mmCIF file of all heavy atoms, coordinates in Angstrom:
data_MODEL
# 
_entry.id   MODEL 
# 
loop_
_atom_site.group_PDB 
_atom_site.id 
_atom_site.type_symbol 
_atom_site.label_atom_id 
_atom_site.label_alt_id 
_atom_site.label_comp_id 
_atom_site.label_asym_id 
_atom_site.label_entity_id 
_atom_site.label_seq_id 
_atom_site.pdbx_PDB_ins_code 
_atom_site.Cartn_x 
_atom_site.Cartn_y 
_atom_site.Cartn_z 
_atom_site.occupancy 
_atom_site.B_iso_or_equiv 
_atom_site.pdbx_formal_charge 
_atom_site.auth_seq_id 
_atom_site.auth_comp_id 
_atom_site.auth_asym_id 
_atom_site.auth_atom_id 
_atom_site.pdbx_PDB_model_num 
ATOM 1   N N   . GLU A 1 1  ? 156.678 199.859 38.008 1.00 0.00 ? 1  GLU A N   1 
ATOM 2   C CA  . GLU A 1 1  ? 157.286 198.979 38.894 1.00 0.00 ? 1  GLU A CA  1 
ATOM 3   C C   . GLU A 1 1  ? 156.350 198.995 40.242 1.00 0.00 ? 1  GLU A C   1 
ATOM 4   O O   . GLU A 1 1  ? 156.225 197.806 40.842 1.00 0.00 ? 1  GLU A O   1 
ATOM 5   C CB  . GLU A 1 1  ? 158.599 199.536 39.360 1.00 0.00 ? 1  GLU A CB  1 
ATOM 6   C CG  . GLU A 1 1  ? 159.666 199.408 38.219 1.00 0.00 ? 1  GLU A CG  1 
ATOM 7   C CD  . GLU A 1 1  ? 159.622 200.493 37.276 1.00 0.00 ? 1  GLU A CD  1 
ATOM 8   O OE1 . GLU A 1 1  ? 158.973 201.543 37.411 1.00 0.00 ? 1  GLU A OE1 1 
ATOM 9   O OE2 . GLU A 1 1  ? 160.047 200.268 36.088 1.00 0.00 ? 1  GLU A OE2 1 
ATOM 10  N N   . ASP A 1 2  ? 155.701 199.958 40.579 1.00 0.00 ? 2  ASP A N   1 
ATOM 11  C CA  . ASP A 1 2  ? 154.711 200.021 41.769 1.00 0.00 ? 2  ASP A CA  1 
ATOM 12  C C   . ASP A 1 2  ? 153.634 199.032 41.411 1.00 0.00 ? 2  ASP A C   1 
ATOM 13  O O   . ASP A 1 2  ? 153.195 198.288 42.399 1.00 0.00 ? 2  ASP A O   1 
ATOM 14  C CB  . ASP A 1 2  ? 154.187 201.413 42.060 1.00 0.00 ? 2  ASP A CB  1 
ATOM 15  C CG  . ASP A 1 2  ? 155.480 202.417 42.236 1.00 0.00 ? 2  ASP A CG  1 
ATOM 16  O OD1 . ASP A 1 2  ? 156.423 201.917 42.957 1.00 0.00 ? 2  ASP A OD1 1 
ATOM 17  O OD2 . ASP A 1 2  ? 155.273 203.646 41.889 1.00 0.00 ? 2  ASP A OD2 1 
ATOM 18  N N   . THR A 1 3  ? 153.107 199.092 40.216 1.00 0.00 ? 3  THR A N   1 
ATOM 19  C CA  . THR A 1 3  ? 151.862 198.251 39.892 1.00 0.00 ? 3  THR A CA  1 
ATOM 20  C C   . THR A 1 3  ? 152.300 196.752 39.945 1.00 0.00 ? 3  THR A C   1 
ATOM 21  O O   . THR A 1 3  ? 151.566 195.956 40.286 1.00 0.00 ? 3  THR A O   1 
ATOM 22  C CB  . THR A 1 3  ? 151.293 198.805 38.617 1.00 0.00 ? 3  THR A CB  1 
ATOM 23  O OG1 . THR A 1 3  ? 152.197 198.586 37.497 1.00 0.00 ? 3  THR A OG1 1 
ATOM 24  C CG2 . THR A 1 3  ? 150.687 200.228 38.649 1.00 0.00 ? 3  THR A CG2 1 
ATOM 25  N N   . LEU A 1 4  ? 153.537 196.474 39.383 1.00 0.00 ? 4  LEU A N   1 
ATOM 26  C CA  . LEU A 1 4  ? 153.955 195.070 39.367 1.00 0.00 ? 4  LEU A CA  1 
ATOM 27  C C   . LEU A 1 4  ? 154.158 194.524 40.850 1.00 0.00 ? 4  LEU A C   1 
ATOM 28  O O   . LEU A 1 4  ? 153.721 193.434 41.088 1.00 0.00 ? 4  LEU A O   1 
ATOM 29  C CB  . LEU A 1 4  ? 155.395 195.118 38.663 1.00 0.00 ? 4  LEU A CB  1 
ATOM 30  C CG  . LEU A 1 4  ? 155.263 195.088 37.097 1.00 0.00 ? 4  LEU A CG  1 
ATOM 31  C CD1 . LEU A 1 4  ? 156.674 195.209 36.492 1.00 0.00 ? 4  LEU A CD1 1 
ATOM 32  C CD2 . LEU A 1 4  ? 154.744 193.782 36.606 1.00 0.00 ? 4  LEU A CD2 1 
ATOM 33  N N   . ALA A 1 5  ? 154.674 195.376 41.567 1.00 0.00 ? 5  ALA A N   1 
ATOM 34  C CA  . ALA A 1 5  ? 154.779 194.869 43.120 1.00 0.00 ? 5  ALA A CA  1 
ATOM 35  C C   . ALA A 1 5  ? 153.549 194.698 43.622 1.00 0.00 ? 5  ALA A C   1 
ATOM 36  O O   . ALA A 1 5  ? 153.189 193.744 44.416 1.00 0.00 ? 5  ALA A O   1 
ATOM 37  C CB  . ALA A 1 5  ? 155.609 195.994 43.935 1.00 0.00 ? 5  ALA A CB  1 
ATOM 38  N N   . ALA A 1 6  ? 152.537 195.585 43.545 1.00 0.00 ? 6  ALA A N   1 
ATOM 39  C CA  . ALA A 1 6  ? 151.284 195.436 43.988 1.00 0.00 ? 6  ALA A CA  1 
ATOM 40  C C   . ALA A 1 6  ? 150.521 194.193 43.471 1.00 0.00 ? 6  ALA A C   1 
ATOM 41  O O   . ALA A 1 6  ? 149.774 193.473 44.196 1.00 0.00 ? 6  ALA A O   1 
ATOM 42  C CB  . ALA A 1 6  ? 150.466 196.756 43.764 1.00 0.00 ? 6  ALA A CB  1 
ATOM 43  N N   . ALA A 1 7  ? 150.622 194.005 42.103 1.00 0.00 ? 7  ALA A N   1 
ATOM 44  C CA  . ALA A 1 7  ? 150.015 192.814 41.615 1.00 0.00 ? 7  ALA A CA  1 
ATOM 45  C C   . ALA A 1 7  ? 150.533 191.523 42.161 1.00 0.00 ? 7  ALA A C   1 
ATOM 46  O O   . ALA A 1 7  ? 149.823 190.646 42.416 1.00 0.00 ? 7  ALA A O   1 
ATOM 47  C CB  . ALA A 1 7  ? 150.089 192.935 40.100 1.00 0.00 ? 7  ALA A CB  1 
ATOM 48  N N   . GLN A 1 8  ? 151.903 191.494 42.276 1.00 0.00 ? 8  GLN A N   1 
ATOM 49  C CA  . GLN A 1 8  ? 152.601 190.338 42.778 1.00 0.00 ? 8  GLN A CA  1 
ATOM 50  C C   . GLN A 1 8  ? 152.145 190.042 44.300 1.00 0.00 ? 8  GLN A C   1 
ATOM 51  O O   . GLN A 1 8  ? 151.911 188.910 44.680 1.00 0.00 ? 8  GLN A O   1 
ATOM 52  C CB  . GLN A 1 8  ? 154.077 190.423 42.608 1.00 0.00 ? 8  GLN A CB  1 
ATOM 53  C CG  . GLN A 1 8  ? 154.474 190.236 41.184 1.00 0.00 ? 8  GLN A CG  1 
ATOM 54  C CD  . GLN A 1 8  ? 155.945 190.466 40.883 1.00 0.00 ? 8  GLN A CD  1 
ATOM 55  O OE1 . GLN A 1 8  ? 156.545 191.208 41.555 1.00 0.00 ? 8  GLN A OE1 1 
ATOM 56  N NE2 . GLN A 1 8  ? 156.388 190.015 39.763 1.00 0.00 ? 8  GLN A NE2 1 
ATOM 57  N N   . GLU A 1 9  ? 152.025 191.112 45.040 1.00 0.00 ? 9  GLU A N   1 
ATOM 58  C CA  . GLU A 1 9  ? 151.624 190.957 46.411 1.00 0.00 ? 9  GLU A CA  1 
ATOM 59  C C   . GLU A 1 9  ? 150.120 190.453 46.389 1.00 0.00 ? 9  GLU A C   1 
ATOM 60  O O   . GLU A 1 9  ? 149.746 189.607 47.289 1.00 0.00 ? 9  GLU A O   1 
ATOM 61  C CB  . GLU A 1 9  ? 151.631 192.341 47.096 1.00 0.00 ? 9  GLU A CB  1 
ATOM 62  C CG  . GLU A 1 9  ? 152.960 192.692 47.534 1.00 0.00 ? 9  GLU A CG  1 
ATOM 63  C CD  . GLU A 1 9  ? 152.993 194.179 48.182 1.00 0.00 ? 9  GLU A CD  1 
ATOM 64  O OE1 . GLU A 1 9  ? 151.931 194.653 48.662 1.00 0.00 ? 9  GLU A OE1 1 
ATOM 65  O OE2 . GLU A 1 9  ? 154.146 194.803 48.024 1.00 0.00 ? 9  GLU A OE2 1 
ATOM 66  N N   . PHE A 1 10 ? 149.209 190.974 45.520 1.00 0.00 ? 10 PHE A N   1 
ATOM 67  C CA  . PHE A 1 10 ? 147.923 190.501 45.406 1.00 0.00 ? 10 PHE A CA  1 
ATOM 68  C C   . PHE A 1 10 ? 147.817 189.073 45.102 1.00 0.00 ? 10 PHE A C   1 
ATOM 69  O O   . PHE A 1 10 ? 146.970 188.255 45.746 1.00 0.00 ? 10 PHE A O   1 
ATOM 70  C CB  . PHE A 1 10 ? 147.086 191.407 44.399 1.00 0.00 ? 10 PHE A CB  1 
ATOM 71  C CG  . PHE A 1 10 ? 145.643 190.994 44.195 1.00 0.00 ? 10 PHE A CG  1 
ATOM 72  C CD1 . PHE A 1 10 ? 144.770 191.645 45.127 1.00 0.00 ? 10 PHE A CD1 1 
ATOM 73  C CD2 . PHE A 1 10 ? 145.371 190.235 43.283 1.00 0.00 ? 10 PHE A CD2 1 
ATOM 74  C CE1 . PHE A 1 10 ? 143.454 191.340 44.827 1.00 0.00 ? 10 PHE A CE1 1 
ATOM 75  C CE2 . PHE A 1 10 ? 143.995 189.801 43.177 1.00 0.00 ? 10 PHE A CE2 1 
ATOM 76  C CZ  . PHE A 1 10 ? 143.001 190.497 43.958 1.00 0.00 ? 10 PHE A CZ  1 
ATOM 77  N N   . ALA A 1 11 ? 148.637 188.688 44.152 1.00 0.00 ? 11 ALA A N   1 
ATOM 78  C CA  . ALA A 1 11 ? 148.809 187.125 43.758 1.00 0.00 ? 11 ALA A CA  1 
ATOM 79  C C   . ALA A 1 11 ? 149.105 186.422 44.926 1.00 0.00 ? 11 ALA A C   1 
ATOM 80  O O   . ALA A 1 11 ? 148.463 185.307 45.252 1.00 0.00 ? 11 ALA A O   1 
ATOM 81  C CB  . ALA A 1 11 ? 149.578 186.964 42.619 1.00 0.00 ? 11 ALA A CB  1 
ATOM 82  N N   . GLU A 1 12 ? 150.070 186.700 45.657 1.00 0.00 ? 12 GLU A N   1 
ATOM 83  C CA  . GLU A 1 12 ? 150.497 185.979 46.837 1.00 0.00 ? 12 GLU A CA  1 
ATOM 84  C C   . GLU A 1 12 ? 149.447 185.908 47.994 1.00 0.00 ? 12 GLU A C   1 
ATOM 85  O O   . GLU A 1 12 ? 149.257 184.834 48.448 1.00 0.00 ? 12 GLU A O   1 
ATOM 86  C CB  . GLU A 1 12 ? 151.910 186.557 47.441 1.00 0.00 ? 12 GLU A CB  1 
ATOM 87  C CG  . GLU A 1 12 ? 153.061 186.392 46.516 1.00 0.00 ? 12 GLU A CG  1 
ATOM 88  C CD  . GLU A 1 12 ? 154.259 187.103 46.996 1.00 0.00 ? 12 GLU A CD  1 
ATOM 89  O OE1 . GLU A 1 12 ? 154.296 187.699 48.099 1.00 0.00 ? 12 GLU A OE1 1 
ATOM 90  O OE2 . GLU A 1 12 ? 155.144 187.162 46.113 1.00 0.00 ? 12 GLU A OE2 1 
ATOM 91  N N   . SER A 1 13 ? 148.684 186.855 48.175 1.00 0.00 ? 13 SER A N   1 
ATOM 92  C CA  . SER A 1 13 ? 147.809 187.010 49.182 1.00 0.00 ? 13 SER A CA  1 
ATOM 93  C C   . SER A 1 13 ? 146.421 186.409 48.854 1.00 0.00 ? 13 SER A C   1 
ATOM 94  O O   . SER A 1 13 ? 145.711 185.914 49.727 1.00 0.00 ? 13 SER A O   1 
ATOM 95  C CB  . SER A 1 13 ? 147.509 188.436 49.653 1.00 0.00 ? 13 SER A CB  1 
ATOM 96  O OG  . SER A 1 13 ? 146.893 189.177 48.833 1.00 0.00 ? 13 SER A OG  1 
ATOM 97  N N   . THR A 1 14 ? 146.123 186.354 47.535 1.00 0.00 ? 14 THR A N   1 
ATOM 98  C CA  . THR A 1 14 ? 144.721 185.797 47.195 1.00 0.00 ? 14 THR A CA  1 
ATOM 99  C C   . THR A 1 14 ? 144.842 184.491 46.387 1.00 0.00 ? 14 THR A C   1 
ATOM 100 O O   . THR A 1 14 ? 143.701 183.827 46.380 1.00 0.00 ? 14 THR A O   1 
ATOM 101 C CB  . THR A 1 14 ? 144.038 186.817 46.304 1.00 0.00 ? 14 THR A CB  1 
ATOM 102 O OG1 . THR A 1 14 ? 144.747 186.910 45.054 1.00 0.00 ? 14 THR A OG1 1 
ATOM 103 C CG2 . THR A 1 14 ? 143.929 188.222 46.903 1.00 0.00 ? 14 THR A CG2 1 
ATOM 104 N N   . GLY A 1 15 ? 146.032 184.155 45.934 1.00 0.00 ? 15 GLY A N   1 
ATOM 105 C CA  . GLY A 1 15 ? 146.137 183.040 45.115 1.00 0.00 ? 15 GLY A CA  1 
ATOM 106 C C   . GLY A 1 15 ? 145.793 183.202 43.643 1.00 0.00 ? 15 GLY A C   1 
ATOM 107 O O   . GLY A 1 15 ? 145.800 182.304 42.820 1.00 0.00 ? 15 GLY A O   1 
ATOM 108 N N   . ALA A 1 16 ? 145.379 184.402 43.313 1.00 0.00 ? 16 ALA A N   1 
ATOM 109 C CA  . ALA A 1 16 ? 145.061 184.798 41.910 1.00 0.00 ? 16 ALA A CA  1 
ATOM 110 C C   . ALA A 1 16 ? 146.468 184.541 41.087 1.00 0.00 ? 16 ALA A C   1 
ATOM 111 O O   . ALA A 1 16 ? 147.595 184.711 41.631 1.00 0.00 ? 16 ALA A O   1 
ATOM 112 C CB  . ALA A 1 16 ? 144.750 186.183 41.768 1.00 0.00 ? 16 ALA A CB  1 
ATOM 113 N N   . HIS A 1 17 ? 146.222 184.110 39.807 1.00 0.00 ? 17 HIS A N   1 
ATOM 114 C CA  . HIS A 1 17 ? 147.414 183.774 39.013 1.00 0.00 ? 17 HIS A CA  1 
ATOM 115 C C   . HIS A 1 17 ? 148.001 185.024 38.338 1.00 0.00 ? 17 HIS A C   1 
ATOM 116 O O   . HIS A 1 17 ? 147.242 185.717 37.543 1.00 0.00 ? 17 HIS A O   1 
ATOM 117 C CB  . HIS A 1 17 ? 146.995 182.785 37.969 1.00 0.00 ? 17 HIS A CB  1 
ATOM 118 C CG  . HIS A 1 17 ? 148.238 182.014 37.374 1.00 0.00 ? 17 HIS A CG  1 
ATOM 119 N ND1 . HIS A 1 17 ? 148.905 181.024 37.982 1.00 0.00 ? 17 HIS A ND1 1 
ATOM 120 C CD2 . HIS A 1 17 ? 148.911 182.285 36.172 1.00 0.00 ? 17 HIS A CD2 1 
ATOM 121 C CE1 . HIS A 1 17 ? 149.850 180.601 37.288 1.00 0.00 ? 17 HIS A CE1 1 
ATOM 122 N NE2 . HIS A 1 17 ? 149.885 181.413 36.172 1.00 0.00 ? 17 HIS A NE2 1 
ATOM 123 N N   . PHE A 1 18 ? 149.146 185.269 38.462 1.00 0.00 ? 18 PHE A N   1 
ATOM 124 C CA  . PHE A 1 18 ? 149.841 186.622 37.912 1.00 0.00 ? 18 PHE A CA  1 
ATOM 125 C C   . PHE A 1 18 ? 150.224 186.368 36.379 1.00 0.00 ? 18 PHE A C   1 
ATOM 126 O O   . PHE A 1 18 ? 150.743 185.458 36.142 1.00 0.00 ? 18 PHE A O   1 
ATOM 127 C CB  . PHE A 1 18 ? 151.070 186.880 38.714 1.00 0.00 ? 18 PHE A CB  1 
ATOM 128 C CG  . PHE A 1 18 ? 151.820 188.115 38.122 1.00 0.00 ? 18 PHE A CG  1 
ATOM 129 C CD1 . PHE A 1 18 ? 151.338 189.380 38.281 1.00 0.00 ? 18 PHE A CD1 1 
ATOM 130 C CD2 . PHE A 1 18 ? 152.977 188.076 37.438 1.00 0.00 ? 18 PHE A CD2 1 
ATOM 131 C CE1 . PHE A 1 18 ? 151.862 190.497 37.723 1.00 0.00 ? 18 PHE A CE1 1 
ATOM 132 C CE2 . PHE A 1 18 ? 153.654 189.255 36.853 1.00 0.00 ? 18 PHE A CE2 1 
ATOM 133 C CZ  . PHE A 1 18 ? 153.178 190.453 37.076 1.00 0.00 ? 18 PHE A CZ  1 
ATOM 134 N N   . ILE A 1 19 ? 149.600 187.228 35.610 1.00 0.00 ? 19 ILE A N   1 
ATOM 135 C CA  . ILE A 1 19 ? 149.769 187.169 34.083 1.00 0.00 ? 19 ILE A CA  1 
ATOM 136 C C   . ILE A 1 19 ? 150.837 188.299 33.792 1.00 0.00 ? 19 ILE A C   1 
ATOM 137 O O   . ILE A 1 19 ? 150.601 189.432 33.716 1.00 0.00 ? 19 ILE A O   1 
ATOM 138 C CB  . ILE A 1 19 ? 148.519 187.355 33.344 1.00 0.00 ? 19 ILE A CB  1 
ATOM 139 C CG1 . ILE A 1 19 ? 147.510 186.339 33.796 1.00 0.00 ? 19 ILE A CG1 1 
ATOM 140 C CG2 . ILE A 1 19 ? 148.835 187.313 31.809 1.00 0.00 ? 19 ILE A CG2 1 
ATOM 141 C CD1 . ILE A 1 19 ? 147.803 184.930 33.662 1.00 0.00 ? 19 ILE A CD1 1 
ATOM 142 N N   . HIS A 1 20 ? 152.112 187.847 33.501 1.00 0.00 ? 20 HIS A N   1 
ATOM 143 C CA  . HIS A 1 20 ? 153.061 188.789 33.211 1.00 0.00 ? 20 HIS A CA  1 
ATOM 144 C C   . HIS A 1 20 ? 152.896 189.407 31.809 1.00 0.00 ? 20 HIS A C   1 
ATOM 145 O O   . HIS A 1 20 ? 152.429 188.649 30.991 1.00 0.00 ? 20 HIS A O   1 
ATOM 146 C CB  . HIS A 1 20 ? 154.617 188.081 33.240 1.00 0.00 ? 20 HIS A CB  1 
ATOM 147 C CG  . HIS A 1 20 ? 155.702 189.016 33.361 1.00 0.00 ? 20 HIS A CG  1 
ATOM 148 N ND1 . HIS A 1 20 ? 156.141 189.686 32.298 1.00 0.00 ? 20 HIS A ND1 1 
ATOM 149 C CD2 . HIS A 1 20 ? 156.372 189.544 34.484 1.00 0.00 ? 20 HIS A CD2 1 
ATOM 150 C CE1 . HIS A 1 20 ? 157.123 190.428 32.717 1.00 0.00 ? 20 HIS A CE1 1 
ATOM 151 N NE2 . HIS A 1 20 ? 157.292 190.439 34.035 1.00 0.00 ? 20 HIS A NE2 1 
ATOM 152 N N   . PRO A 1 21 ? 153.290 190.595 31.590 1.00 0.00 ? 21 PRO A N   1 
ATOM 153 C CA  . PRO A 1 21 ? 153.060 191.291 30.262 1.00 0.00 ? 21 PRO A CA  1 
ATOM 154 C C   . PRO A 1 21 ? 153.923 190.603 29.146 1.00 0.00 ? 21 PRO A C   1 
ATOM 155 O O   . PRO A 1 21 ? 153.558 190.759 27.941 1.00 0.00 ? 21 PRO A O   1 
ATOM 156 C CB  . PRO A 1 21 ? 153.319 192.682 30.470 1.00 0.00 ? 21 PRO A CB  1 
ATOM 157 C CG  . PRO A 1 21 ? 154.017 192.863 31.777 1.00 0.00 ? 21 PRO A CG  1 
ATOM 158 C CD  . PRO A 1 21 ? 153.735 191.642 32.495 1.00 0.00 ? 21 PRO A CD  1 
ATOM 159 N N   . PHE A 1 22 ? 155.068 189.961 29.405 1.00 0.00 ? 22 PHE A N   1 
ATOM 160 C CA  . PHE A 1 22 ? 155.872 189.477 28.430 1.00 0.00 ? 22 PHE A CA  1 
ATOM 161 C C   . PHE A 1 22 ? 156.699 188.174 28.784 1.00 0.00 ? 22 PHE A C   1 
ATOM 162 O O   . PHE A 1 22 ? 157.116 187.504 27.916 1.00 0.00 ? 22 PHE A O   1 
ATOM 163 C CB  . PHE A 1 22 ? 156.699 190.570 27.772 1.00 0.00 ? 22 PHE A CB  1 
ATOM 164 C CG  . PHE A 1 22 ? 157.648 191.167 28.821 1.00 0.00 ? 22 PHE A CG  1 
ATOM 165 C CD1 . PHE A 1 22 ? 158.815 190.682 29.209 1.00 0.00 ? 22 PHE A CD1 1 
ATOM 166 C CD2 . PHE A 1 22 ? 157.314 192.386 29.425 1.00 0.00 ? 22 PHE A CD2 1 
ATOM 167 C CE1 . PHE A 1 22 ? 159.667 191.240 30.119 1.00 0.00 ? 22 PHE A CE1 1 
ATOM 168 C CE2 . PHE A 1 22 ? 158.106 192.997 30.373 1.00 0.00 ? 22 PHE A CE2 1 
ATOM 169 C CZ  . PHE A 1 22 ? 159.294 192.436 30.592 1.00 0.00 ? 22 PHE A CZ  1 
ATOM 170 N N   . ASP A 1 23 ? 156.934 188.040 30.048 1.00 0.00 ? 23 ASP A N   1 
ATOM 171 C CA  . ASP A 1 23 ? 157.934 187.045 30.503 1.00 0.00 ? 23 ASP A CA  1 
ATOM 172 C C   . ASP A 1 23 ? 157.362 185.631 30.872 1.00 0.00 ? 23 ASP A C   1 
ATOM 173 O O   . ASP A 1 23 ? 157.389 185.256 31.926 1.00 0.00 ? 23 ASP A O   1 
ATOM 174 C CB  . ASP A 1 23 ? 158.621 187.730 31.752 1.00 0.00 ? 23 ASP A CB  1 
ATOM 175 C CG  . ASP A 1 23 ? 159.892 186.895 31.946 1.00 0.00 ? 23 ASP A CG  1 
ATOM 176 O OD1 . ASP A 1 23 ? 160.363 186.068 31.152 1.00 0.00 ? 23 ASP A OD1 1 
ATOM 177 O OD2 . ASP A 1 23 ? 160.461 187.062 33.114 1.00 0.00 ? 23 ASP A OD2 1 
ATOM 178 N N   . HIS A 1 24 ? 156.666 185.115 29.843 1.00 0.00 ? 24 HIS A N   1 
ATOM 179 C CA  . HIS A 1 24 ? 156.182 183.710 29.939 1.00 0.00 ? 24 HIS A CA  1 
ATOM 180 C C   . HIS A 1 24 ? 156.133 183.187 28.473 1.00 0.00 ? 24 HIS A C   1 
ATOM 181 O O   . HIS A 1 24 ? 155.673 183.880 27.565 1.00 0.00 ? 24 HIS A O   1 
ATOM 182 C CB  . HIS A 1 24 ? 154.803 183.705 30.470 1.00 0.00 ? 24 HIS A CB  1 
ATOM 183 C CG  . HIS A 1 24 ? 154.459 182.303 30.904 1.00 0.00 ? 24 HIS A CG  1 
ATOM 184 N ND1 . HIS A 1 24 ? 153.912 181.408 30.025 1.00 0.00 ? 24 HIS A ND1 1 
ATOM 185 C CD2 . HIS A 1 24 ? 154.563 181.592 32.117 1.00 0.00 ? 24 HIS A CD2 1 
ATOM 186 C CE1 . HIS A 1 24 ? 153.771 180.275 30.648 1.00 0.00 ? 24 HIS A CE1 1 
ATOM 187 N NE2 . HIS A 1 24 ? 153.999 180.361 31.855 1.00 0.00 ? 24 HIS A NE2 1 
ATOM 188 N N   . PRO A 1 25 ? 156.443 181.877 28.345 1.00 0.00 ? 25 PRO A N   1 
ATOM 189 C CA  . PRO A 1 25 ? 156.433 181.211 26.948 1.00 0.00 ? 25 PRO A CA  1 
ATOM 190 C C   . PRO A 1 25 ? 155.116 181.368 26.277 1.00 0.00 ? 25 PRO A C   1 
ATOM 191 O O   . PRO A 1 25 ? 154.933 181.555 25.060 1.00 0.00 ? 25 PRO A O   1 
ATOM 192 C CB  . PRO A 1 25 ? 156.843 179.886 27.132 1.00 0.00 ? 25 PRO A CB  1 
ATOM 193 C CG  . PRO A 1 25 ? 157.705 179.840 28.405 1.00 0.00 ? 25 PRO A CG  1 
ATOM 194 C CD  . PRO A 1 25 ? 157.112 181.005 29.208 1.00 0.00 ? 25 PRO A CD  1 
ATOM 195 N N   . ASP A 1 26 ? 153.948 181.209 27.005 1.00 0.00 ? 26 ASP A N   1 
ATOM 196 C CA  . ASP A 1 26 ? 152.722 181.222 26.438 1.00 0.00 ? 26 ASP A CA  1 
ATOM 197 C C   . ASP A 1 26 ? 152.299 182.656 25.838 1.00 0.00 ? 26 ASP A C   1 
ATOM 198 O O   . ASP A 1 26 ? 151.717 182.810 24.882 1.00 0.00 ? 26 ASP A O   1 
ATOM 199 C CB  . ASP A 1 26 ? 151.623 180.960 27.494 1.00 0.00 ? 26 ASP A CB  1 
ATOM 200 C CG  . ASP A 1 26 ? 151.505 179.367 27.749 1.00 0.00 ? 26 ASP A CG  1 
ATOM 201 O OD1 . ASP A 1 26 ? 152.141 178.620 26.895 1.00 0.00 ? 26 ASP A OD1 1 
ATOM 202 O OD2 . ASP A 1 26 ? 151.025 179.049 28.925 1.00 0.00 ? 26 ASP A OD2 1 
ATOM 203 N N   . VAL A 1 27 ? 152.788 183.665 26.701 1.00 0.00 ? 27 VAL A N   1 
ATOM 204 C CA  . VAL A 1 27 ? 152.632 185.060 26.229 1.00 0.00 ? 27 VAL A CA  1 
ATOM 205 C C   . VAL A 1 27 ? 153.352 185.388 25.029 1.00 0.00 ? 27 VAL A C   1 
ATOM 206 O O   . VAL A 1 27 ? 152.877 185.928 23.985 1.00 0.00 ? 27 VAL A O   1 
ATOM 207 C CB  . VAL A 1 27 ? 152.997 186.093 27.427 1.00 0.00 ? 27 VAL A CB  1 
ATOM 208 C CG1 . VAL A 1 27 ? 152.817 187.494 26.957 1.00 0.00 ? 27 VAL A CG1 1 
ATOM 209 C CG2 . VAL A 1 27 ? 152.002 185.872 28.457 1.00 0.00 ? 27 VAL A CG2 1 
# 
């Protein structure tokens, strides 16, 4: 949960695209 929060914060601050481990139709 800590890593998910950090990754989402990173995505918001840098514009990097967050790749969820399972919650996306392409995944």
